Protein backbone atom coordinates (compact mmCIF):
# COMPACT_ATOMS: atom_id res chain seq x y z
CA MET A 1 348.96 201.66 213.35
CA GLY A 2 347.28 204.72 215.31
CA THR A 3 350.67 206.88 216.06
CA VAL A 4 352.03 205.51 212.13
CA LEU A 5 349.04 206.98 210.85
CA PRO A 6 348.96 210.98 211.93
CA LEU A 7 352.56 210.91 211.80
CA ALA A 8 352.27 210.02 208.04
CA VAL A 9 349.17 212.49 207.64
CA GLY A 10 351.21 214.92 209.22
CA GLN A 11 354.37 215.14 206.70
CA ILE A 12 352.42 214.96 204.55
CA ARG A 13 350.65 217.89 204.92
CA ARG A 14 354.01 219.73 205.89
CA ARG A 15 356.00 218.79 203.14
CA PRO A 16 353.41 219.06 200.27
CA ALA A 17 356.17 219.31 197.86
CA SER A 18 357.92 216.40 198.10
CA PHE A 19 355.14 214.80 197.32
CA VAL A 20 353.49 216.42 194.61
CA GLY A 21 355.42 214.19 191.84
CA LEU A 22 354.84 210.93 193.69
CA ALA A 23 350.56 211.68 193.41
CA VAL A 24 351.46 212.84 189.99
CA ALA A 25 353.41 209.65 189.43
CA LEU A 26 350.72 207.58 190.65
CA LEU A 27 348.37 208.34 189.27
CA LEU A 28 349.39 208.31 185.79
CA ALA A 29 350.02 204.76 186.46
CA VAL A 30 346.48 204.04 188.24
CA ALA A 31 345.05 205.84 185.07
CA THR A 32 347.81 203.23 182.59
CA LEU A 33 346.89 200.77 184.07
CA THR A 34 342.92 200.93 183.90
CA LEU A 35 343.08 202.06 180.49
CA PHE A 36 344.96 199.10 179.21
CA GLY A 37 342.72 196.80 181.80
CA SER A 38 339.57 198.32 180.81
CA LEU A 39 340.37 197.38 176.69
CA VAL A 40 341.39 193.66 177.95
CA ALA A 41 338.33 192.94 179.92
CA ALA A 42 336.05 194.79 176.94
CA GLN A 43 337.01 192.29 174.77
CA ALA A 44 337.30 189.61 176.73
CA ALA A 45 333.32 190.61 178.06
CA ALA A 46 332.14 190.79 174.47
CA PRO A 47 329.89 188.60 173.66
CA PRO A 48 331.22 185.87 170.34
CA ALA A 49 329.48 187.35 167.90
CA VAL A 50 330.89 190.76 168.15
CA SER A 51 334.59 189.67 170.01
CA ARG A 52 334.69 187.19 165.91
CA THR A 53 334.13 190.32 164.18
CA PRO A 54 336.88 191.20 161.76
CA VAL A 55 339.34 194.00 162.27
CA ASP A 56 342.21 195.58 160.60
CA GLY A 57 344.87 194.80 162.41
CA PRO A 58 346.16 192.99 165.61
CA GLY A 59 342.92 193.45 167.48
CA VAL A 60 342.47 195.46 171.01
CA MET A 61 343.44 191.94 172.77
CA LEU A 62 347.34 192.06 171.44
CA ILE A 63 347.10 195.85 171.17
CA ALA A 64 346.35 196.35 174.85
CA GLY A 65 348.79 193.64 175.19
CA ALA A 66 351.81 195.59 173.17
CA PHE A 67 350.77 198.48 173.45
CA GLY A 68 350.57 198.24 177.43
CA GLU A 69 353.54 197.17 177.92
CA ILE A 70 355.60 199.40 177.49
CA ALA A 71 353.54 201.94 178.71
CA VAL A 72 352.94 200.08 181.90
CA LEU A 73 356.68 199.68 182.58
CA VAL A 74 357.45 203.15 181.88
CA ALA A 75 354.56 204.40 184.21
CA LEU A 76 355.77 202.04 187.17
CA PHE A 77 359.67 203.22 186.13
CA VAL A 78 358.31 206.64 186.75
CA VAL A 79 356.70 206.27 190.23
CA VAL A 80 359.28 203.66 191.57
CA ASN A 81 361.65 207.28 190.43
CA ALA A 82 359.81 209.81 192.12
CA LEU A 83 359.32 207.35 195.33
CA GLY A 84 362.96 206.91 195.70
CA PHE A 85 363.26 210.86 195.65
CA THR A 86 360.08 211.30 198.47
CA VAL A 87 362.20 209.09 200.96
CA ARG A 88 365.46 211.11 200.47
CA GLN A 89 363.53 214.10 200.68
CA GLN A 90 362.43 212.82 203.88
CA PHE A 91 366.25 211.30 205.07
CA ARG A 92 366.61 213.95 207.86
CA ASP A 93 363.38 213.64 209.38
CA LEU A 94 363.63 209.76 209.50
CA ALA A 95 367.04 209.95 210.81
CA LEU A 96 365.67 212.29 213.69
CA LEU A 97 362.85 209.57 214.38
CA ARG A 98 365.00 207.03 214.98
CA THR A 99 367.11 209.15 217.72
CA VAL A 100 363.81 209.42 220.19
CA ALA A 101 363.72 205.62 220.40
CA ALA A 102 361.75 204.27 216.47
CA THR A 103 362.80 201.90 215.37
CA PRO A 104 363.69 200.51 212.01
CA ARG A 105 360.51 198.50 211.78
CA GLN A 106 358.12 202.14 213.01
CA VAL A 107 360.09 203.99 210.09
CA ARG A 108 359.15 201.20 207.28
CA ARG A 109 355.70 201.26 208.52
CA LEU A 110 355.29 205.02 208.39
CA LEU A 111 357.37 205.20 205.10
CA ARG A 112 354.30 202.34 203.47
CA ALA A 113 351.62 204.81 205.35
CA GLN A 114 351.95 207.32 203.51
CA VAL A 115 352.77 205.67 199.85
CA THR A 116 349.08 203.73 201.04
CA ALA A 117 347.76 207.45 201.73
CA THR A 118 349.10 208.93 198.32
CA VAL A 119 347.46 205.93 196.21
CA LEU A 120 344.36 206.05 197.69
CA LEU A 121 344.59 209.78 197.49
CA VAL A 122 344.89 209.35 193.60
CA ALA A 123 343.06 206.45 192.95
CA ALA A 124 339.61 208.20 192.65
CA PRO A 125 340.75 210.65 189.63
CA GLY A 126 343.38 208.36 188.25
CA TRP A 127 340.09 205.61 187.62
CA ALA A 128 338.15 209.24 186.17
CA VAL A 129 340.96 209.29 183.48
CA GLY A 130 341.51 205.88 183.18
CA ALA A 131 338.12 204.74 181.99
CA LEU A 132 337.50 207.88 180.24
CA ALA A 133 340.83 207.36 177.85
CA ALA A 134 339.74 204.18 177.36
CA ARG A 135 336.26 205.37 176.45
CA GLY A 136 338.40 207.74 173.88
CA PHE A 137 341.28 204.94 172.59
CA LEU A 138 338.31 202.62 171.82
CA GLY A 139 336.61 204.75 170.08
CA ALA A 140 339.30 205.82 167.84
CA LEU A 141 340.24 202.47 167.13
CA GLN A 142 336.90 201.80 166.03
CA ARG A 143 336.78 204.20 163.60
CA ARG A 144 340.02 203.19 162.24
CA GLY A 145 338.65 199.72 161.80
CA MET A 146 341.48 198.55 164.31
CA ALA A 147 338.02 196.94 167.25
CA ALA A 148 334.76 195.53 166.45
CA PRO A 149 332.24 198.46 166.57
CA GLY A 150 329.85 196.61 169.55
CA LEU A 151 332.92 196.50 171.53
CA ARG A 152 332.01 198.41 175.01
CA ILE A 153 334.13 199.29 177.75
CA PRO A 154 332.82 197.46 180.64
CA GLY A 155 331.45 198.74 184.27
CA ALA A 156 332.86 196.43 186.36
CA PRO A 157 335.34 197.34 188.60
CA VAL A 158 337.63 194.50 187.60
CA ALA A 159 340.40 197.19 185.78
CA MET A 160 340.20 199.73 188.48
CA ALA A 161 341.18 196.77 191.22
CA VAL A 162 343.75 195.75 189.65
CA ALA A 163 345.13 198.96 188.89
CA LEU A 164 344.81 200.59 192.46
CA GLY A 165 346.64 196.72 193.58
CA VAL A 166 349.75 196.59 190.92
CA ALA A 167 349.85 200.64 191.70
CA LEU A 168 349.86 199.63 195.54
CA LEU A 169 352.54 196.65 194.76
CA VAL A 170 354.78 198.57 193.61
CA GLY A 171 355.21 201.53 195.87
CA LEU A 172 355.46 199.14 198.47
CA ALA A 173 358.29 197.59 197.16
CA ALA A 174 360.15 200.52 196.23
CA THR A 175 359.29 201.72 200.04
CA ALA A 176 361.28 198.73 200.95
CA LEU A 177 364.26 199.29 198.54
CA GLY A 178 364.28 203.07 199.85
CA ALA A 179 364.12 202.65 203.57
CA ARG A 180 367.13 200.23 203.91
CA ARG A 181 369.88 203.21 204.02
CA ILE A 182 367.83 205.01 206.59
CA THR A 183 366.72 202.01 208.74
CA ARG A 184 370.65 200.51 208.00
CA PRO A 185 373.26 202.32 210.18
CA THR A 186 372.68 202.85 213.53
CA PRO A 187 370.66 206.26 214.44
CA ALA A 188 372.87 208.47 214.84
CA ALA A 189 374.80 207.89 211.55
CA ALA A 190 372.05 207.76 209.81
CA LEU A 191 371.79 211.56 210.87
CA THR A 192 375.27 212.48 210.70
CA ALA A 193 374.75 210.43 207.04
CA ASP A 194 375.16 212.95 203.00
CA THR A 195 371.73 213.52 202.38
CA ALA A 196 372.25 214.77 199.09
CA GLY A 197 374.30 212.70 197.27
CA GLN A 198 377.83 212.37 198.01
CA ARG A 199 378.08 209.01 198.54
CA ARG A 200 379.42 206.16 196.29
CA THR A 201 377.54 204.02 194.39
CA GLY A 202 377.32 200.50 196.05
CA VAL A 203 378.90 197.23 195.37
CA LEU A 204 374.84 195.94 195.08
CA ARG A 205 373.68 199.16 193.21
CA LEU A 206 376.96 198.29 190.42
CA PHE A 207 376.33 194.85 190.18
CA ALA A 208 372.04 195.45 189.67
CA GLY A 209 373.13 198.52 187.33
CA VAL A 210 375.59 196.06 184.96
CA ALA A 211 373.19 192.72 184.85
CA VAL A 212 370.25 194.94 183.97
CA LEU A 213 372.56 196.48 181.09
CA ALA A 214 373.38 192.99 180.05
CA GLY A 215 369.46 192.64 180.21
CA GLY A 216 368.69 195.41 178.04
CA ALA A 217 371.68 194.09 175.67
CA LEU A 218 369.89 191.03 175.29
CA LEU A 219 367.14 191.93 174.47
CA LEU A 220 369.02 193.81 171.90
CA ARG A 221 370.13 190.60 170.62
CA LEU A 222 367.16 189.09 170.08
CA ALA A 223 365.60 192.32 168.10
CA ALA A 224 368.81 192.03 165.83
CA THR A 225 368.21 188.04 165.24
CA ARG A 226 364.91 188.09 164.21
CA ALA A 227 363.98 187.92 160.65
CA PRO A 228 363.15 190.54 158.14
CA GLY A 229 359.61 189.28 157.94
CA GLU A 230 359.32 189.91 162.12
CA VAL A 231 359.57 193.39 161.79
CA ASP A 232 356.67 193.86 164.50
CA LYS A 233 358.36 191.88 166.71
CA ALA A 234 361.73 192.98 166.20
CA GLY A 235 360.35 196.78 167.04
CA GLN A 236 358.56 195.39 170.65
CA ALA A 237 361.97 193.61 171.69
CA THR A 238 363.59 196.87 170.55
CA MET A 239 360.86 198.85 172.30
CA LEU A 240 361.21 196.76 175.18
CA GLY A 241 365.28 196.26 175.53
CA ALA A 242 365.46 200.39 175.14
CA LEU A 243 363.69 200.40 178.49
CA VAL A 244 365.56 198.09 179.76
CA LEU A 245 368.54 199.75 179.15
CA LEU A 246 367.46 203.20 180.70
CA VAL A 247 366.42 201.19 183.88
CA GLY A 248 370.42 199.88 183.99
CA LEU A 249 371.43 203.65 183.11
CA ALA A 250 368.61 204.66 186.32
CA LEU A 251 370.89 202.32 188.83
CA LEU A 252 374.39 203.34 187.59
CA GLY A 253 372.92 207.11 187.42
CA PRO A 254 375.11 208.31 189.77
CA LEU A 255 378.44 207.08 187.85
CA ALA A 256 377.54 207.81 184.83
CA ALA A 257 376.52 211.67 186.08
CA ARG A 258 379.64 212.03 187.56
CA VAL A 259 381.82 210.67 184.43
CA LEU A 260 379.80 212.79 181.58
CA ALA A 261 379.80 216.14 183.65
CA THR A 262 383.35 216.22 184.11
CA VAL A 263 383.97 215.62 180.52
CA LEU A 264 381.64 218.08 179.89
CA GLY A 265 382.48 220.82 182.48
CA ALA A 266 386.10 221.46 181.10
CA PRO A 267 384.98 223.44 178.93
CA VAL A 268 382.41 225.16 180.64
CA ARG A 269 385.35 225.38 183.53
CA VAL A 270 387.48 227.65 181.28
CA LEU A 271 384.11 229.96 179.21
CA ALA A 272 382.91 230.93 182.76
CA PRO A 273 385.42 230.34 185.58
CA ARG A 274 383.46 230.83 189.15
CA VAL A 275 379.74 230.44 188.04
CA GLY A 276 381.03 227.47 185.27
CA TRP A 277 383.78 225.71 187.84
CA LEU A 278 380.49 225.69 191.04
CA ALA A 279 377.83 224.40 188.79
CA ASP A 280 380.18 221.71 187.82
CA ALA A 281 381.29 221.11 191.05
CA ASN A 282 378.06 220.64 192.29
CA LEU A 283 377.05 218.38 189.04
CA ARG A 284 380.29 216.05 189.76
CA GLY A 285 380.05 216.08 193.83
CA TYR A 286 376.43 215.51 194.46
CA ALA A 287 375.82 212.95 191.86
CA ALA A 288 373.06 211.22 193.11
CA ARG A 289 370.84 214.25 193.36
CA SER A 290 372.55 215.09 189.75
CA SER A 291 371.37 211.89 188.47
CA SER A 292 367.84 212.44 189.74
CA ALA A 293 367.04 215.21 187.03
CA VAL A 294 369.44 213.80 185.00
CA VAL A 295 367.41 210.21 184.71
CA PRO A 296 363.73 212.18 183.14
CA VAL A 297 366.00 213.78 180.43
CA ALA A 298 367.53 210.52 179.24
CA LEU A 299 363.98 208.37 179.72
CA LEU A 300 362.47 211.47 177.49
CA VAL A 301 364.99 210.69 174.96
CA GLY A 302 365.82 207.57 174.37
CA LEU A 303 362.43 206.31 174.71
CA SER A 304 360.91 208.94 171.97
CA GLY A 305 363.98 208.78 169.90
CA THR A 306 363.75 205.03 169.51
CA MET A 307 360.98 205.34 168.28
CA LEU A 308 361.06 207.88 165.93
CA ILE A 309 364.47 206.28 164.61
CA MET A 310 363.04 202.50 164.29
CA THR A 311 359.41 203.67 162.52
CA SER A 312 361.64 205.74 159.92
CA THR A 313 363.75 203.05 159.41
CA ALA A 314 361.07 200.44 158.53
CA GLU A 315 359.47 203.00 156.37
CA ARG A 316 362.16 203.44 154.17
CA ALA A 317 362.90 199.36 154.43
CA ALA A 318 359.23 199.21 153.19
CA GLY A 319 359.65 201.85 150.39
CA ALA A 320 362.93 200.26 148.97
CA ALA A 321 360.44 196.55 149.09
CA GLY A 322 358.05 198.16 147.71
CA ILE A 323 355.30 196.38 151.09
CA ALA A 324 353.33 197.18 153.81
CA THR A 325 354.49 196.16 157.27
CA GLY A 326 352.85 195.89 160.53
CA VAL A 327 354.57 199.67 161.40
CA THR A 328 353.94 201.09 158.18
CA ARG A 329 350.84 200.73 157.66
CA ALA A 330 348.43 204.25 158.47
CA THR A 331 346.86 202.27 160.93
CA ASP A 332 349.34 201.49 162.88
CA VAL A 333 351.49 204.46 162.25
CA TRP A 334 348.90 206.28 163.88
CA LEU A 335 349.20 203.54 166.85
CA ARG A 336 352.92 203.85 167.06
CA GLY A 337 352.06 207.97 167.42
CA ALA A 338 349.58 207.58 169.93
CA GLU A 339 352.50 205.22 171.88
CA LEU A 340 354.79 207.68 171.58
CA GLY A 341 353.54 210.40 172.98
CA MET A 342 351.96 208.71 175.81
CA LEU A 343 355.54 207.82 176.58
CA VAL A 344 355.87 211.37 175.77
CA CYS A 345 353.79 212.56 178.41
CA PHE A 346 354.43 210.06 180.98
CA ALA A 347 358.95 211.23 180.93
CA ALA A 348 358.11 215.15 180.50
CA VAL A 349 356.17 214.63 184.12
CA SER A 350 359.12 213.10 185.60
CA THR A 351 361.38 215.41 184.15
CA VAL A 352 359.51 218.75 185.48
CA ASN A 353 358.44 216.60 188.78
CA THR A 354 361.86 215.94 189.65
CA LEU A 355 363.61 219.11 188.34
CA VAL A 356 361.41 220.92 190.20
CA ALA A 357 361.50 219.36 193.42
CA LEU A 358 365.01 219.09 193.74
CA THR A 359 365.54 222.77 192.76
CA ALA A 360 363.35 223.94 195.37
CA ASP A 361 364.80 221.26 198.09
CA ARG A 362 368.08 223.34 197.53
CA ARG A 363 366.84 226.50 198.94
CA ARG A 364 368.99 226.11 201.95
CA GLU A 365 372.23 225.97 199.89
CA PHE A 366 371.78 228.25 198.06
CA ALA A 367 371.12 230.72 201.45
CA LEU A 368 374.53 229.61 201.93
CA LEU A 369 376.15 230.78 199.01
CA ARG A 370 374.56 233.96 199.35
CA LEU A 371 375.72 234.60 203.06
CA VAL A 372 379.32 233.99 201.83
CA GLY A 373 379.17 236.95 198.70
CA ALA A 374 377.45 234.99 196.29
CA THR A 375 374.09 236.84 194.78
CA ARG A 376 371.08 236.26 193.65
CA ARG A 377 372.16 237.23 189.85
CA GLN A 378 374.74 234.60 190.07
CA LEU A 379 373.26 231.72 191.51
CA LEU A 380 370.44 231.95 188.86
CA ARG A 381 373.70 231.74 186.51
CA MET A 382 375.30 229.08 188.00
CA LEU A 383 371.30 227.11 187.97
CA ALA A 384 371.57 228.18 183.75
CA VAL A 385 374.64 226.22 183.35
CA GLU A 386 373.51 223.33 185.31
CA ALA A 387 371.04 223.46 183.65
CA VAL A 388 372.79 223.34 179.96
CA LEU A 389 375.26 220.14 181.73
CA THR A 390 371.78 218.58 183.01
CA THR A 391 370.30 219.03 179.91
CA ALA A 392 373.70 217.59 178.21
CA VAL A 393 374.56 214.66 180.29
CA GLY A 394 370.32 213.70 180.08
CA VAL A 395 370.65 213.85 176.21
CA LEU A 396 373.92 211.62 175.77
CA LEU A 397 372.87 209.22 177.55
CA GLY A 398 369.09 208.78 176.40
CA SER A 399 370.80 209.69 172.36
CA ALA A 400 373.39 206.41 173.14
CA VAL A 401 370.06 204.15 174.07
CA ALA A 402 368.34 205.33 171.74
CA ALA A 403 371.34 204.57 168.60
CA THR A 404 371.55 201.44 170.27
CA ALA A 405 368.38 200.28 170.29
CA ALA A 406 367.85 201.86 166.69
CA GLY A 407 370.71 200.04 165.39
CA ALA A 408 370.11 196.83 166.09
CA PHE A 409 366.63 197.31 165.07
CA ALA A 410 367.60 198.54 162.03
CA ARG A 411 370.26 195.30 161.55
CA SER A 412 367.04 192.74 161.76
CA VAL A 413 365.11 194.67 158.82
CA THR A 414 367.81 196.29 156.50
CA GLY A 415 371.21 194.00 157.56
CA SER A 416 373.09 196.69 158.44
CA VAL A 417 373.25 198.36 161.68
CA VAL A 418 372.74 202.28 160.49
CA PRO A 419 369.54 203.10 160.60
CA ALA A 420 367.26 205.83 158.78
CA VAL A 421 367.33 209.06 161.59
CA PRO A 422 364.83 211.56 160.67
CA VAL A 423 366.75 214.77 161.87
CA ALA A 424 363.34 217.02 161.89
CA ALA A 425 361.66 214.68 164.57
CA CYS A 426 364.67 213.96 166.97
CA VAL A 427 365.66 217.96 167.02
CA TRP A 428 362.59 218.30 168.43
CA VAL A 429 362.96 215.82 170.81
CA LEU A 430 366.32 217.63 171.91
CA ALA A 431 364.66 220.75 171.60
CA GLY A 432 361.89 219.36 174.20
CA ALA A 433 363.51 218.39 176.86
CA ALA A 434 365.78 221.17 176.76
CA ALA A 435 362.33 223.57 177.00
CA LEU A 436 361.45 220.92 180.04
CA THR A 437 364.68 220.69 181.67
CA VAL A 438 366.59 224.66 181.70
CA PRO A 439 362.91 226.67 182.65
CA GLY A 440 361.84 224.05 185.23
CA ILE A 441 365.19 224.56 186.73
CA LEU A 442 365.17 228.27 186.31
CA GLY A 443 361.63 229.07 187.52
CA THR A 444 361.84 227.08 190.58
CA GLY A 445 365.72 228.62 191.25
CA LEU A 446 363.69 232.23 190.80
CA ARG A 447 362.02 231.24 193.84
CA ALA A 448 364.32 229.53 195.53
CA VAL A 449 367.11 231.49 195.53
CA GLY A 450 364.57 234.44 197.15
CA GLY A 451 363.92 234.93 200.25
CA ARG A 452 365.74 236.40 203.47
CA VAL A 453 368.72 234.58 203.72
CA PRO A 454 368.95 234.14 207.93
CA GLU A 455 365.03 232.61 207.56
CA ALA A 456 366.35 229.98 204.65
CA VAL A 457 369.40 229.00 206.24
CA GLY A 458 367.75 227.90 209.91
CA GLY A 459 364.38 227.16 208.65
CA GLU A 460 363.27 224.33 207.01
CA ARG A 461 363.55 222.96 203.45
CA GLU A 462 360.11 223.17 201.55
């Protein structure tokens, strides 16, 4: 451990851009776990007179469990996605270490040390953000009569310790998976392996993706078969099913990105023969890299669209029947709005982090294109086309998940698979996805295509 820790810290200091996204994702995960853990602790530690006070709604414990279930899963999903990208960015450095006699065990220890150091670095600010959010959220619940007035967030660090432990366990588990591709081949094979994502999707990953999609389909079937009076349970199963489907799409991301890019790229190649052809070739050829950019967009659109359509469908069904359910009462509408805001925040952070890091990591690629005659203006036009295609692929995948999940929910609530779609709200979601994706890629691209070409070609990636 004496040499591993300095190497880990040195790698973080030398490549800070590779770890910023991971640090932000881990901070959000720690804050989210602290937030909902603190709510559970507040209810569990409350005196009997306070805990038995009648409230409007399901109560703090159920809110923290049902509300936090999806939020925590999304936060951890963002962590796994960010960590996988961080490991891929270090692939060549780690392969070089293996050529100078570093063993697979030492490489795994190095990655574990990096994750541990990053988790510990963000632990304190994550705890602070989570504790403040817990107090603010509990206060909002109390003002709406959804929590007992006497509840207080305890000062005991149990929730913080659990948050740190869960974030660390998830990070280490994801590290073990990410290290396999580096430690499995011989050092020479690892050094010459493609790191940009031109490899085919492995059979094991394909099987895992299909299995996860099947699990999501089963959850949506459970949601669709709920009785009309169990709207809240159907809604929870729908959101969980949508998230599982998105995880399955993440596993099948390279394949899905290649197929959709091929379909969408055909008209682009006709309309813009030069930059369009190059942008389409990049998306199809570097499928793993493309999927890293597409998955956060699909996450944003899929979860936001599912919740918006689900709420609109429930409101229309309740209005037609002249009744109010858990998803249509004013207090619970606010609760779901808060949940939607949190999910959008996670997805937006994941989208921006991934796109900025991906584009910045292509500095050497852009320099090589400039060596063979491409101008900065042409490269920016190529990036603009890539940004549009990336947004379109992510929107299509996310919309497919939202439509499937919302159809299952509508089947439970109305007996028909056709949901009520809030067109204006969904348009805002699509506009938000484009506003995050296109400026993120072009803004980073402005810096990545600049600088002196010889230095960019021969230098280190940032």
